Amino acid sequence: QVQLVESGGGLVQAGGSLRLSCAASGRTFSSQTMGWFRQAPGKEREFVATLTWSSSTYYTDSVKGRFTISRDNAKNTVFLQMNSLKPEDTGVYFCAAARPYYSGIVTRASMYDYWGQGTQVTVSS
């Protein structure tokens, strides 16, 4: 069983930056695709970014050029650096992990097996 714990959320003004972290338990981290999703009030959870176990990255169009996903396999941690934040980036951000060596669609929430509890990001205008 993999446990995920997010941190780093908070309140920031538009144009500011935040760095989210997600610490994972277990011994399979380096072989797992890790993703970030977000959910705004009254909306469905949406894909933000993913970093596969083979080091490929994917981003939703609205965050390309502003967000960067990275990982430190030695520390079992995945990061989401968020720059030039906008009010529409507000939401609860969730970290997710797929099963080891997963090679399918990475933008669908249903493809991930493990989820963190989420961290709130609020961007004021």
N, C-alpha and C. Protein backbone atom coordinates (compact mmCIF):
# COMPACT_ATOMS: atom_id res chain seq x y z
N GLN A 1 0.84 -1.19 0.00
CA GLN A 1 0.00 0.00 0.00
C GLN A 1 0.88 1.24 0.00
N VAL A 2 0.52 2.21 -0.82
CA VAL A 2 1.27 3.45 -0.92
C VAL A 2 0.46 4.56 -0.26
N GLN A 3 1.11 5.32 0.59
CA GLN A 3 0.46 6.49 1.19
C GLN A 3 1.12 7.75 0.66
N LEU A 4 0.29 8.74 0.35
CA LEU A 4 0.78 10.00 -0.22
C LEU A 4 0.37 11.15 0.68
N VAL A 5 1.30 12.04 0.95
CA VAL A 5 1.02 13.19 1.80
C VAL A 5 1.49 14.45 1.09
N GLU A 6 0.54 15.33 0.77
CA GLU A 6 0.87 16.59 0.10
C GLU A 6 1.15 17.70 1.11
N SER A 7 1.93 18.65 0.69
CA SER A 7 2.19 19.84 1.50
C SER A 7 2.57 20.98 0.57
N GLY A 8 2.58 22.20 1.12
CA GLY A 8 3.03 23.34 0.36
C GLY A 8 1.95 24.26 -0.16
N GLY A 9 0.69 23.90 0.05
CA GLY A 9 -0.38 24.79 -0.39
C GLY A 9 -0.45 26.03 0.46
N GLY A 10 -1.30 26.96 0.03
CA GLY A 10 -1.47 28.19 0.80
C GLY A 10 -2.17 29.26 0.00
N LEU A 11 -2.13 30.47 0.54
CA LEU A 11 -2.73 31.63 -0.10
C LEU A 11 -1.64 32.48 -0.73
N VAL A 12 -1.83 32.83 -1.99
CA VAL A 12 -0.83 33.62 -2.71
C VAL A 12 -1.54 34.59 -3.64
N GLN A 13 -0.92 35.71 -3.89
CA GLN A 13 -1.49 36.67 -4.82
C GLN A 13 -1.24 36.24 -6.25
N ALA A 14 -2.09 36.70 -7.14
CA ALA A 14 -1.90 36.41 -8.55
C ALA A 14 -0.50 36.86 -8.99
N GLY A 15 0.14 36.01 -9.78
CA GLY A 15 1.50 36.26 -10.22
C GLY A 15 2.55 35.64 -9.33
N GLY A 16 2.14 35.17 -8.18
CA GLY A 16 3.06 34.56 -7.24
C GLY A 16 3.36 33.11 -7.56
N SER A 17 4.12 32.49 -6.65
CA SER A 17 4.55 31.10 -6.85
C SER A 17 4.32 30.27 -5.60
N LEU A 18 4.14 28.99 -5.82
CA LEU A 18 4.08 28.00 -4.74
C LEU A 18 4.75 26.73 -5.23
N ARG A 19 5.28 25.99 -4.29
CA ARG A 19 5.87 24.68 -4.62
C ARG A 19 5.18 23.63 -3.77
N LEU A 20 4.47 22.74 -4.43
CA LEU A 20 3.81 21.65 -3.74
C LEU A 20 4.74 20.44 -3.68
N SER A 21 4.65 19.72 -2.58
CA SER A 21 5.41 18.48 -2.42
C SER A 21 4.46 17.34 -2.10
N CYS A 22 4.85 16.15 -2.49
CA CYS A 22 4.07 14.95 -2.19
C CYS A 22 5.04 13.86 -1.81
N ALA A 23 4.99 13.47 -0.55
CA ALA A 23 5.86 12.42 -0.05
C ALA A 23 5.13 11.08 -0.10
N ALA A 24 5.80 10.09 -0.66
CA ALA A 24 5.20 8.77 -0.83
C ALA A 24 5.89 7.75 0.04
N SER A 25 5.09 6.82 0.56
CA SER A 25 5.65 5.70 1.32
C SER A 25 5.91 4.54 0.36
N GLY A 26 6.58 3.53 0.84
CA GLY A 26 6.77 2.33 0.05
C GLY A 26 8.09 2.30 -0.71
N ARG A 27 8.33 1.19 -1.40
CA ARG A 27 9.60 0.96 -2.08
C ARG A 27 9.48 0.95 -3.60
N THR A 28 8.32 1.34 -4.11
CA THR A 28 8.11 1.26 -5.55
C THR A 28 8.03 2.63 -6.21
N PHE A 29 8.37 3.69 -5.47
CA PHE A 29 8.17 5.05 -5.96
C PHE A 29 8.83 5.28 -7.31
N SER A 30 10.07 4.85 -7.47
CA SER A 30 10.79 5.14 -8.70
C SER A 30 10.16 4.48 -9.92
N SER A 31 9.34 3.48 -9.72
CA SER A 31 8.70 2.78 -10.83
C SER A 31 7.25 3.24 -11.06
N GLN A 32 6.85 4.29 -10.35
CA GLN A 32 5.46 4.74 -10.44
C GLN A 32 5.33 6.08 -11.13
N THR A 33 4.36 6.15 -12.02
CA THR A 33 3.96 7.43 -12.60
C THR A 33 3.23 8.24 -11.54
N MET A 34 3.64 9.49 -11.39
CA MET A 34 3.06 10.36 -10.38
C MET A 34 2.34 11.54 -11.06
N GLY A 35 1.18 11.84 -10.56
CA GLY A 35 0.40 12.91 -11.16
C GLY A 35 -0.10 13.90 -10.14
N TRP A 36 -0.44 15.08 -10.64
CA TRP A 36 -1.11 16.10 -9.84
C TRP A 36 -2.45 16.42 -10.52
N PHE A 37 -3.48 16.47 -9.69
CA PHE A 37 -4.81 16.85 -10.14
C PHE A 37 -5.30 17.98 -9.24
N ARG A 38 -6.32 18.68 -9.66
CA ARG A 38 -6.89 19.73 -8.82
C ARG A 38 -8.41 19.74 -8.96
N GLN A 39 -9.04 20.26 -7.94
CA GLN A 39 -10.48 20.34 -7.94
C GLN A 39 -10.91 21.68 -7.35
N ALA A 40 -11.58 22.45 -8.17
CA ALA A 40 -12.12 23.73 -7.74
C ALA A 40 -13.53 23.50 -7.18
N PRO A 41 -14.00 24.41 -6.34
CA PRO A 41 -15.35 24.26 -5.77
C PRO A 41 -16.40 24.13 -6.85
N GLY A 42 -17.23 23.09 -6.72
CA GLY A 42 -18.30 22.89 -7.67
C GLY A 42 -17.90 22.31 -9.00
N LYS A 43 -16.63 21.96 -9.12
CA LYS A 43 -16.14 21.41 -10.39
C LYS A 43 -15.58 20.01 -10.20
N GLU A 44 -15.42 19.32 -11.31
CA GLU A 44 -14.84 17.98 -11.25
C GLU A 44 -13.32 18.07 -11.10
N ARG A 45 -12.76 17.00 -10.59
CA ARG A 45 -11.30 16.93 -10.49
C ARG A 45 -10.72 16.91 -11.89
N GLU A 46 -9.65 17.69 -12.09
CA GLU A 46 -9.04 17.77 -13.41
C GLU A 46 -7.54 17.50 -13.35
N PHE A 47 -7.06 16.98 -14.45
CA PHE A 47 -5.64 16.69 -14.59
C PHE A 47 -4.83 17.98 -14.66
N VAL A 48 -3.68 17.99 -13.99
CA VAL A 48 -2.77 19.14 -14.05
C VAL A 48 -1.45 18.75 -14.71
N ALA A 49 -0.78 17.74 -14.16
CA ALA A 49 0.53 17.36 -14.67
C ALA A 49 0.85 15.95 -14.24
N THR A 50 1.71 15.31 -15.00
CA THR A 50 2.19 13.99 -14.61
C THR A 50 3.62 13.80 -15.04
N LEU A 51 4.32 12.98 -14.28
CA LEU A 51 5.71 12.61 -14.58
C LEU A 51 5.77 11.09 -14.50
N THR A 52 6.02 10.47 -15.63
CA THR A 52 6.00 9.02 -15.66
C THR A 52 7.25 8.42 -15.05
N TRP A 53 7.18 7.13 -14.78
CA TRP A 53 8.34 6.44 -14.22
C TRP A 53 9.50 6.44 -15.21
N SER A 54 9.19 6.64 -16.51
CA SER A 54 10.22 6.71 -17.53
C SER A 54 10.62 8.13 -17.86
N SER A 55 10.23 9.07 -17.00
CA SER A 55 10.65 10.47 -17.08
C SER A 55 9.99 11.31 -18.16
N SER A 56 8.86 10.88 -18.66
CA SER A 56 8.08 11.73 -19.57
C SER A 56 7.16 12.63 -18.76
N THR A 57 6.97 13.84 -19.26
CA THR A 57 6.09 14.79 -18.56
C THR A 57 4.92 15.19 -19.45
N TYR A 58 3.80 15.44 -18.82
CA TYR A 58 2.60 15.88 -19.52
C TYR A 58 1.94 16.97 -18.67
N TYR A 59 1.40 17.97 -19.33
CA TYR A 59 0.74 19.07 -18.65
C TYR A 59 -0.58 19.40 -19.34
N THR A 60 -1.54 19.83 -18.55
CA THR A 60 -2.73 20.36 -19.18
C THR A 60 -2.38 21.71 -19.80
N ASP A 61 -3.08 22.08 -20.85
CA ASP A 61 -2.69 23.27 -21.63
C ASP A 61 -2.65 24.53 -20.78
N SER A 62 -3.54 24.66 -19.83
CA SER A 62 -3.64 25.91 -19.07
C SER A 62 -2.46 26.17 -18.15
N VAL A 63 -1.63 25.17 -17.89
CA VAL A 63 -0.49 25.36 -16.99
C VAL A 63 0.85 25.25 -17.70
N LYS A 64 0.85 24.92 -18.97
CA LYS A 64 2.11 24.79 -19.71
C LYS A 64 2.88 26.10 -19.68
N GLY A 65 4.17 25.99 -19.39
CA GLY A 65 5.01 27.17 -19.31
C GLY A 65 4.99 27.84 -17.95
N ARG A 66 4.08 27.43 -17.07
CA ARG A 66 3.99 28.03 -15.73
C ARG A 66 4.29 27.01 -14.63
N PHE A 67 3.86 25.78 -14.83
CA PHE A 67 4.05 24.73 -13.83
C PHE A 67 5.12 23.75 -14.29
N THR A 68 5.85 23.20 -13.33
CA THR A 68 6.86 22.19 -13.62
C THR A 68 6.75 21.06 -12.61
N ILE A 69 6.63 19.85 -13.11
CA ILE A 69 6.60 18.68 -12.24
C ILE A 69 7.97 18.04 -12.23
N SER A 70 8.40 17.59 -11.06
CA SER A 70 9.70 16.94 -10.93
C SER A 70 9.62 15.93 -9.80
N ARG A 71 10.66 15.13 -9.68
CA ARG A 71 10.66 14.12 -8.62
C ARG A 71 12.06 13.89 -8.12
N ASP A 72 12.13 13.43 -6.88
CA ASP A 72 13.39 13.03 -6.26
C ASP A 72 13.17 11.59 -5.79
N ASN A 73 13.63 10.65 -6.57
CA ASN A 73 13.39 9.25 -6.24
C ASN A 73 14.09 8.82 -4.96
N ALA A 74 15.19 9.46 -4.64
CA ALA A 74 15.92 9.12 -3.41
C ALA A 74 15.11 9.50 -2.18
N LYS A 75 14.24 10.51 -2.34
CA LYS A 75 13.42 10.97 -1.21
C LYS A 75 11.96 10.59 -1.35
N ASN A 76 11.64 9.79 -2.37
CA ASN A 76 10.24 9.39 -2.59
C ASN A 76 9.30 10.58 -2.62
N THR A 77 9.70 11.60 -3.33
CA THR A 77 8.92 12.84 -3.34
C THR A 77 8.74 13.36 -4.76
N VAL A 78 7.54 13.85 -5.03
CA VAL A 78 7.26 14.52 -6.30
C VAL A 78 6.86 15.96 -5.98
N PHE A 79 7.26 16.86 -6.87
CA PHE A 79 7.05 18.29 -6.65
C PHE A 79 6.21 18.88 -7.80
N LEU A 80 5.54 19.96 -7.48
CA LEU A 80 4.88 20.75 -8.51
C LEU A 80 5.23 22.21 -8.25
N GLN A 81 6.11 22.74 -9.07
CA GLN A 81 6.47 24.15 -8.98
C GLN A 81 5.47 24.95 -9.79
N MET A 82 4.81 25.87 -9.13
CA MET A 82 3.75 26.66 -9.79
C MET A 82 4.15 28.13 -9.78
N ASN A 83 4.35 28.67 -10.96
CA ASN A 83 4.73 30.07 -11.12
C ASN A 83 3.63 30.83 -11.85
N SER A 84 3.69 32.14 -11.76
CA SER A 84 2.71 33.00 -12.44
C SER A 84 1.28 32.53 -12.17
N LEU A 85 1.00 32.31 -10.92
CA LEU A 85 -0.31 31.76 -10.55
C LEU A 85 -1.43 32.73 -10.87
N LYS A 86 -2.56 32.14 -11.22
CA LYS A 86 -3.76 32.89 -11.59
C LYS A 86 -4.91 32.49 -10.67
N PRO A 87 -5.88 33.35 -10.51
CA PRO A 87 -7.03 32.99 -9.65
C PRO A 87 -7.69 31.68 -10.09
N GLU A 88 -7.69 31.40 -11.37
CA GLU A 88 -8.30 30.16 -11.86
C GLU A 88 -7.50 28.91 -11.49
N ASP A 89 -6.32 29.08 -10.92
CA ASP A 89 -5.56 27.94 -10.43
C ASP A 89 -6.01 27.52 -9.03
N THR A 90 -6.90 28.26 -8.45
CA THR A 90 -7.39 27.96 -7.11
C THR A 90 -8.09 26.61 -7.06
N GLY A 91 -7.82 25.85 -6.01
CA GLY A 91 -8.46 24.57 -5.83
C GLY A 91 -7.70 23.71 -4.84
N VAL A 92 -8.21 22.53 -4.62
CA VAL A 92 -7.49 21.54 -3.82
C VAL A 92 -6.65 20.72 -4.78
N TYR A 93 -5.38 20.63 -4.50
CA TYR A 93 -4.45 19.90 -5.35
C TYR A 93 -4.16 18.53 -4.72
N PHE A 94 -4.33 17.52 -5.55
CA PHE A 94 -4.14 16.14 -5.11
C PHE A 94 -2.95 15.51 -5.84
N CYS A 95 -2.19 14.76 -5.09
CA CYS A 95 -1.13 13.96 -5.64
C CYS A 95 -1.68 12.55 -5.87
N ALA A 96 -1.24 11.90 -6.94
CA ALA A 96 -1.72 10.56 -7.24
C ALA A 96 -0.58 9.70 -7.77
N ALA A 97 -0.68 8.41 -7.50
CA ALA A 97 0.33 7.46 -7.96
C ALA A 97 -0.34 6.30 -8.69
N ALA A 98 0.24 5.93 -9.81
CA ALA A 98 -0.25 4.78 -10.55
C ALA A 98 0.48 3.52 -10.07
N ARG A 99 -0.01 2.38 -10.48
CA ARG A 99 0.68 1.13 -10.11
C ARG A 99 2.03 1.09 -10.80
N PRO A 100 2.98 0.33 -10.26
CA PRO A 100 4.32 0.28 -10.84
C PRO A 100 4.33 -0.08 -12.32
N TYR A 101 5.12 0.67 -13.06
CA TYR A 101 5.35 0.45 -14.49
C TYR A 101 4.08 0.59 -15.33
N TYR A 102 3.14 1.35 -14.82
CA TYR A 102 1.94 1.63 -15.59
C TYR A 102 2.32 2.37 -16.86
N SER A 103 1.71 1.98 -18.00
CA SER A 103 2.09 2.58 -19.27
C SER A 103 0.89 3.02 -20.10
N GLY A 104 -0.23 3.25 -19.46
CA GLY A 104 -1.42 3.65 -20.21
C GLY A 104 -1.66 5.15 -20.15
N ILE A 105 -2.92 5.52 -20.28
CA ILE A 105 -3.30 6.93 -20.25
C ILE A 105 -2.97 7.51 -18.89
N VAL A 106 -2.34 8.68 -18.88
CA VAL A 106 -1.89 9.25 -17.61
C VAL A 106 -2.68 10.48 -17.21
N THR A 107 -3.63 10.91 -18.03
CA THR A 107 -4.37 12.13 -17.74
C THR A 107 -5.73 11.87 -17.10
N ARG A 108 -6.09 10.61 -16.95
CA ARG A 108 -7.38 10.27 -16.35
C ARG A 108 -7.21 9.91 -14.89
N ALA A 109 -8.01 10.50 -14.04
CA ALA A 109 -7.91 10.24 -12.61
C ALA A 109 -8.15 8.77 -12.30
N SER A 110 -9.02 8.13 -13.06
CA SER A 110 -9.37 6.73 -12.78
C SER A 110 -8.21 5.77 -13.01
N MET A 111 -7.17 6.25 -13.67
CA MET A 111 -6.01 5.38 -13.94
C MET A 111 -5.03 5.33 -12.78
N TYR A 112 -5.25 6.15 -11.78
CA TYR A 112 -4.34 6.20 -10.63
C TYR A 112 -4.91 5.40 -9.47
N ASP A 113 -4.02 4.72 -8.77
CA ASP A 113 -4.45 3.80 -7.73
C ASP A 113 -4.38 4.38 -6.32
N TYR A 114 -3.55 5.38 -6.14
CA TYR A 114 -3.34 5.93 -4.80
C TYR A 114 -3.47 7.44 -4.85
N TRP A 115 -4.05 8.00 -3.79
CA TRP A 115 -4.31 9.43 -3.73
C TRP A 115 -3.94 9.99 -2.36
N GLY A 116 -3.47 11.22 -2.38
CA GLY A 116 -3.26 11.94 -1.14
C GLY A 116 -4.54 12.62 -0.70
N GLN A 117 -4.45 13.31 0.43
CA GLN A 117 -5.63 13.95 1.00
C GLN A 117 -5.89 15.34 0.40
N GLY A 118 -4.91 15.86 -0.30
CA GLY A 118 -5.07 17.16 -0.95
C GLY A 118 -4.52 18.31 -0.13
N THR A 119 -4.13 19.36 -0.83
CA THR A 119 -3.66 20.58 -0.19
C THR A 119 -4.31 21.77 -0.91
N GLN A 120 -4.78 22.73 -0.14
CA GLN A 120 -5.52 23.85 -0.70
C GLN A 120 -4.56 24.90 -1.26
N VAL A 121 -4.87 25.33 -2.47
CA VAL A 121 -4.16 26.45 -3.10
C VAL A 121 -5.19 27.52 -3.42
N THR A 122 -4.95 28.72 -2.90
CA THR A 122 -5.86 29.83 -3.15
C THR A 122 -5.07 30.99 -3.74
N VAL A 123 -5.48 31.44 -4.90
CA VAL A 123 -4.81 32.54 -5.58
C VAL A 123 -5.77 33.72 -5.61
N SER A 124 -5.36 34.79 -4.96
CA SER A 124 -6.21 35.98 -4.90
C SER A 124 -5.87 36.93 -6.04
N SER A 125 -6.88 37.65 -6.48
CA SER A 125 -6.68 38.58 -7.60
C SER A 125 -6.29 39.97 -7.12
